[in-house]
Amino acid sequence: MKTSKRIRCQNCKKQFTTNRLTTKTCSSACRKALQRKSAKATQHICKGYLNTPCPEQKTTKAERCRNCKRIQGRMTGFFNTSFGARLANDLRKRAGSVELIDGMNGLEAYYERHKLVAKANPIVNGKSKKDFHVAHKVALNDSGGRKGLYSKSNLIVVPARLNQSFGNQAIFINAEPGEHFLWTKDLQKKFKVDESTSHDELRNLLISFLGHEFIEWVDDKNLSRRKPKGESIN
């Protein structure tokens, strides 16, 4: 003979009598409500992207919601794009500091000039002839203790032979600090990079220096992956 006992409903917390040992709720309504609570508790909040919480705090069974997954992919793949790889190489081997990028306007100016160069250089037998270069009016390693900026006023597209003849000498202009160049002695150590700087470290430095706008820019551009030499960037 089954014996009844008093237990507390796990949903509404009221006491009720039952003769079943596995009963958890006092009614079918409470049983369904408890099931809904349990299902919600097992879901995961989207983990966001690049150690950043999901902006909308979306609840999803996936590791990341669709938006965060898209941004995560584009950010982690940025240096595998034609422009991203070119920027990383230039910063590591020539500039030595992300601080030389004159904000998002400077990054956009550098990007637009490289698009122009890609269109200007003819492709012969599947290879670009590199007839034109993106040059700095004040060189990245100017001999006068200056570092030329990636800025709209300091970047110029010139014939390759002319650019190579400049060397590290500034093209004759009325150069202004903060507009065309920064003094090497004023560069902050925390923004410096070299050839040992990893992609992750460089990405974090760019985000730290340029802010969240850099993430939005990369997401908006949706740059294509690197292409064989001779093909243009998008």
Protein backbone atom coordinates (compact mmCIF):
# COMPACT_ATOMS: atom_id res chain seq x y z
CA MET A 1 0.00 0.00 0.00
CA LYS A 2 1.37 3.35 -1.03
CA THR A 3 1.78 5.96 1.67
CA SER A 4 1.16 9.62 1.02
CA LYS A 5 3.42 12.42 2.17
CA ARG A 6 3.55 16.20 2.25
CA ILE A 7 6.12 17.85 -0.02
CA ARG A 8 6.74 21.35 -1.35
CA CYS A 9 6.09 22.17 -5.03
CA GLN A 10 9.35 23.07 -6.75
CA ASN A 11 7.58 25.74 -8.80
CA CYS A 12 5.07 27.59 -6.64
CA LYS A 13 6.59 26.45 -3.30
CA LYS A 14 3.20 25.43 -1.83
CA GLN A 15 2.94 22.20 0.13
CA PHE A 16 0.79 19.38 -1.22
CA THR A 17 0.13 15.69 -0.58
CA THR A 18 1.28 12.96 -2.97
CA ASN A 19 1.90 9.23 -2.89
CA ARG A 20 4.49 9.28 -5.73
CA LEU A 21 8.15 9.62 -4.76
CA THR A 22 9.14 11.25 -8.09
CA THR A 23 6.52 14.02 -8.01
CA LYS A 24 8.02 17.51 -8.00
CA THR A 25 5.06 19.79 -8.65
CA CYS A 26 1.53 20.15 -7.35
CA SER A 27 -0.21 20.44 -10.74
CA SER A 28 0.28 20.08 -14.47
CA ALA A 29 0.48 23.88 -14.78
CA CYS A 30 3.36 24.00 -12.28
CA ARG A 31 5.03 21.04 -14.01
CA LYS A 32 5.01 22.87 -17.36
CA ALA A 33 6.20 26.12 -15.74
CA LEU A 34 9.10 24.26 -14.10
CA GLN A 35 10.02 22.68 -17.43
CA ARG A 36 10.14 26.12 -19.05
CA LYS A 37 12.37 27.46 -16.26
CA SER A 38 14.68 24.47 -16.58
CA ALA A 39 14.94 24.85 -20.37
CA LYS A 40 15.78 28.54 -20.00
CA ALA A 41 18.42 27.82 -17.36
CA THR A 42 20.24 25.40 -19.69
CA GLN A 43 20.57 28.00 -22.45
CA HIS A 44 23.76 30.05 -22.76
CA ILE A 45 24.19 33.77 -23.08
CA CYS A 46 26.15 34.58 -26.26
CA LYS A 47 29.82 34.94 -25.33
CA GLY A 48 30.26 37.87 -27.74
CA TYR A 49 33.45 38.39 -29.74
CA LEU A 50 37.13 39.06 -28.98
CA ASN A 51 36.52 38.85 -25.22
CA THR A 52 33.76 41.45 -25.58
CA PRO A 53 30.26 40.64 -24.22
CA CYS A 54 27.46 40.34 -26.76
CA PRO A 55 26.10 43.91 -27.28
CA GLU A 56 22.54 42.58 -27.17
CA GLN A 57 23.14 39.84 -24.59
CA LYS A 58 21.37 37.36 -26.85
CA THR A 59 20.39 33.98 -25.48
CA THR A 60 21.29 31.19 -27.85
CA LYS A 61 22.25 27.53 -27.83
CA ALA A 62 25.24 28.40 -30.01
CA GLU A 63 28.56 29.65 -28.63
CA ARG A 64 27.95 32.98 -30.34
CA CYS A 65 24.89 34.62 -31.85
CA ARG A 66 24.88 35.27 -35.57
CA ASN A 67 26.07 38.89 -35.33
CA CYS A 68 28.91 38.13 -32.92
CA LYS A 69 29.97 35.12 -34.98
CA ARG A 70 30.19 37.33 -38.07
CA ILE A 71 32.26 40.02 -36.31
CA GLN A 72 34.48 37.40 -34.63
CA GLY A 73 35.24 35.83 -38.00
CA ARG A 74 36.01 39.11 -39.74
CA MET A 75 38.23 40.37 -36.92
CA THR A 76 40.23 37.14 -36.50
CA GLY A 77 40.62 36.91 -40.28
CA PHE A 78 41.57 40.58 -40.82
CA PHE A 79 45.29 39.90 -41.24
CA ASN A 80 44.49 37.19 -43.79
CA THR A 81 43.00 39.81 -46.11
CA SER A 82 45.11 41.60 -48.70
CA PHE A 83 44.86 44.96 -46.96
CA GLY A 84 45.21 43.56 -43.44
CA ALA A 85 48.35 41.62 -44.36
CA ARG A 86 49.83 44.71 -46.01
CA LEU A 87 49.05 46.88 -42.99
CA ALA A 88 50.54 44.34 -40.55
CA ASN A 89 53.72 44.03 -42.63
CA ASP A 90 54.10 47.82 -42.87
CA LEU A 91 53.55 48.39 -39.16
CA ARG A 92 55.95 45.64 -38.07
CA LYS A 93 58.79 46.23 -40.51
CA ARG A 94 58.65 49.97 -41.19
CA ALA A 95 56.44 52.04 -38.88
CA GLY A 96 57.13 50.26 -35.59
CA SER A 97 54.07 51.75 -33.89
CA VAL A 98 50.30 51.74 -34.37
CA GLU A 99 50.40 55.30 -32.99
CA LEU A 100 51.42 56.51 -36.45
CA ILE A 101 47.91 55.79 -37.73
CA ASP A 102 46.09 59.13 -37.63
CA GLY A 103 42.87 57.68 -36.22
CA MET A 104 40.19 56.08 -38.35
CA ASN A 105 40.54 58.85 -40.95
CA GLY A 106 44.18 57.88 -41.38
CA LEU A 107 43.34 54.19 -41.71
CA GLU A 108 40.66 54.96 -44.29
CA ALA A 109 43.06 57.19 -46.25
CA TYR A 110 45.68 54.42 -46.33
CA TYR A 111 43.06 51.90 -47.47
CA GLU A 112 41.71 54.16 -50.23
CA ARG A 113 45.18 54.90 -51.59
CA HIS A 114 46.02 51.21 -51.75
CA LYS A 115 42.81 50.60 -53.67
CA LEU A 116 43.88 53.34 -56.09
CA VAL A 117 47.34 51.79 -56.47
CA ALA A 118 45.81 48.37 -57.13
CA LYS A 119 43.81 49.85 -60.00
CA ALA A 120 46.72 51.90 -61.36
CA ASN A 121 49.25 49.05 -61.53
CA PRO A 122 48.82 47.05 -64.72
CA ILE A 123 48.64 43.26 -64.55
CA VAL A 124 50.94 41.49 -67.00
CA ASN A 125 50.97 37.69 -67.22
CA GLY A 126 49.04 37.49 -63.97
CA LYS A 127 51.44 39.73 -62.03
CA SER A 128 51.22 43.39 -61.09
CA LYS A 129 54.07 45.54 -62.45
CA LYS A 130 54.05 47.83 -59.35
CA ASP A 131 54.41 51.00 -61.39
CA PHE A 132 52.91 53.06 -58.56
CA HIS A 133 53.47 53.13 -54.80
CA VAL A 134 51.77 54.59 -51.75
CA ALA A 135 54.34 57.03 -50.36
CA HIS A 136 54.66 59.25 -47.30
CA LYS A 137 55.47 62.95 -47.73
CA VAL A 138 57.32 62.71 -44.43
CA ALA A 139 58.93 59.26 -44.48
CA LEU A 140 58.11 56.63 -41.88
CA ASN A 141 61.75 56.78 -40.77
CA ASP A 142 62.72 60.32 -41.57
CA SER A 143 66.35 61.17 -40.82
CA GLY A 144 65.35 64.15 -38.69
CA GLY A 145 63.92 62.13 -35.80
CA ARG A 146 60.42 62.22 -37.23
CA LYS A 147 58.01 59.40 -38.06
CA GLY A 148 55.63 60.08 -40.93
CA LEU A 149 51.94 59.55 -40.19
CA TYR A 150 49.40 57.42 -41.96
CA SER A 151 47.25 60.50 -42.50
CA LYS A 152 45.24 61.94 -45.36
CA SER A 153 47.64 64.88 -45.70
CA ASN A 154 50.81 62.76 -45.52
CA LEU A 155 49.93 59.88 -47.87
CA ILE A 156 50.36 60.19 -51.61
CA VAL A 157 50.35 57.90 -54.67
CA VAL A 158 53.48 58.37 -56.82
CA PRO A 159 55.35 56.51 -59.58
CA ALA A 160 57.44 53.70 -58.10
CA ARG A 161 60.76 55.03 -59.43
CA LEU A 162 60.10 58.43 -57.91
CA ASN A 163 59.19 56.90 -54.56
CA GLN A 164 62.35 54.78 -54.52
CA SER A 165 64.44 57.88 -55.23
CA PHE A 166 63.11 59.57 -52.10
CA GLY A 167 64.60 57.00 -49.72
CA ASN A 168 63.96 58.17 -46.16
CA GLN A 169 64.06 61.85 -47.09
CA ALA A 170 60.87 63.88 -46.70
CA ILE A 171 59.32 65.31 -49.83
CA PHE A 172 59.69 69.08 -49.56
CA ILE A 173 56.57 70.28 -47.73
CA ASN A 174 55.72 72.55 -44.82
CA ALA A 175 55.33 69.58 -42.47
CA GLU A 176 53.34 69.98 -39.27
CA PRO A 177 53.59 67.68 -36.22
CA GLY A 178 50.35 65.81 -35.62
CA GLU A 179 49.33 66.32 -39.25
CA HIS A 180 52.27 64.91 -41.22
CA PHE A 181 54.50 63.35 -38.56
CA LEU A 182 55.16 62.59 -34.88
CA TRP A 183 58.48 62.99 -33.12
CA THR A 184 60.07 59.61 -32.44
CA LYS A 185 60.82 60.60 -28.86
CA ASP A 186 57.11 61.23 -28.20
CA LEU A 187 55.87 57.77 -29.24
CA GLN A 188 54.43 55.72 -26.41
CA LYS A 189 56.08 52.40 -25.66
CA LYS A 190 52.76 50.58 -25.20
CA PHE A 191 51.85 51.09 -28.87
CA LYS A 192 55.17 49.97 -30.35
CA VAL A 193 55.39 46.84 -32.52
CA ASP A 194 58.10 44.87 -34.27
CA GLU A 195 58.47 41.70 -36.31
CA SER A 196 57.91 39.54 -33.22
CA THR A 197 54.46 41.05 -32.57
CA SER A 198 51.82 38.37 -33.14
CA HIS A 199 48.55 38.88 -35.00
CA ASP A 200 46.59 38.71 -31.75
CA GLU A 201 48.84 41.29 -30.10
CA LEU A 202 48.68 43.62 -33.11
CA ARG A 203 44.89 43.27 -33.34
CA ASN A 204 44.50 44.16 -29.66
CA LEU A 205 46.82 47.16 -30.06
CA LEU A 206 44.81 48.45 -33.02
CA ILE A 207 41.57 48.08 -31.06
CA SER A 208 43.12 49.74 -28.01
CA PHE A 209 44.44 52.67 -30.07
CA LEU A 210 41.63 53.16 -32.61
CA GLY A 211 38.75 52.10 -30.37
CA HIS A 212 35.56 50.19 -31.19
CA GLU A 213 35.31 52.10 -34.48
CA PHE A 214 38.07 49.87 -35.82
CA ILE A 215 35.92 46.77 -35.20
CA GLU A 216 32.94 48.44 -36.89
CA TRP A 217 35.16 49.44 -39.84
CA VAL A 218 36.46 45.90 -40.37
CA ASP A 219 32.93 44.50 -40.09
CA ASP A 220 31.54 47.08 -42.53
CA LYS A 221 34.31 46.62 -45.12
CA ASN A 222 33.99 42.81 -45.10
CA LEU A 223 37.42 42.53 -46.73
CA SER A 224 38.05 39.50 -48.89
CA ARG A 225 40.74 36.96 -48.10
CA ARG A 226 44.18 37.38 -49.59
CA LYS A 227 44.36 36.82 -53.31
CA PRO A 228 47.25 35.75 -55.52
CA LYS A 229 49.68 38.54 -56.37
CA GLY A 230 48.44 40.78 -59.13
CA GLU A 231 44.81 40.83 -58.05
CA SER A 232 43.33 43.95 -56.49
CA ILE A 233 41.85 44.35 -53.00
CA ASN A 234 38.12 45.00 -52.62
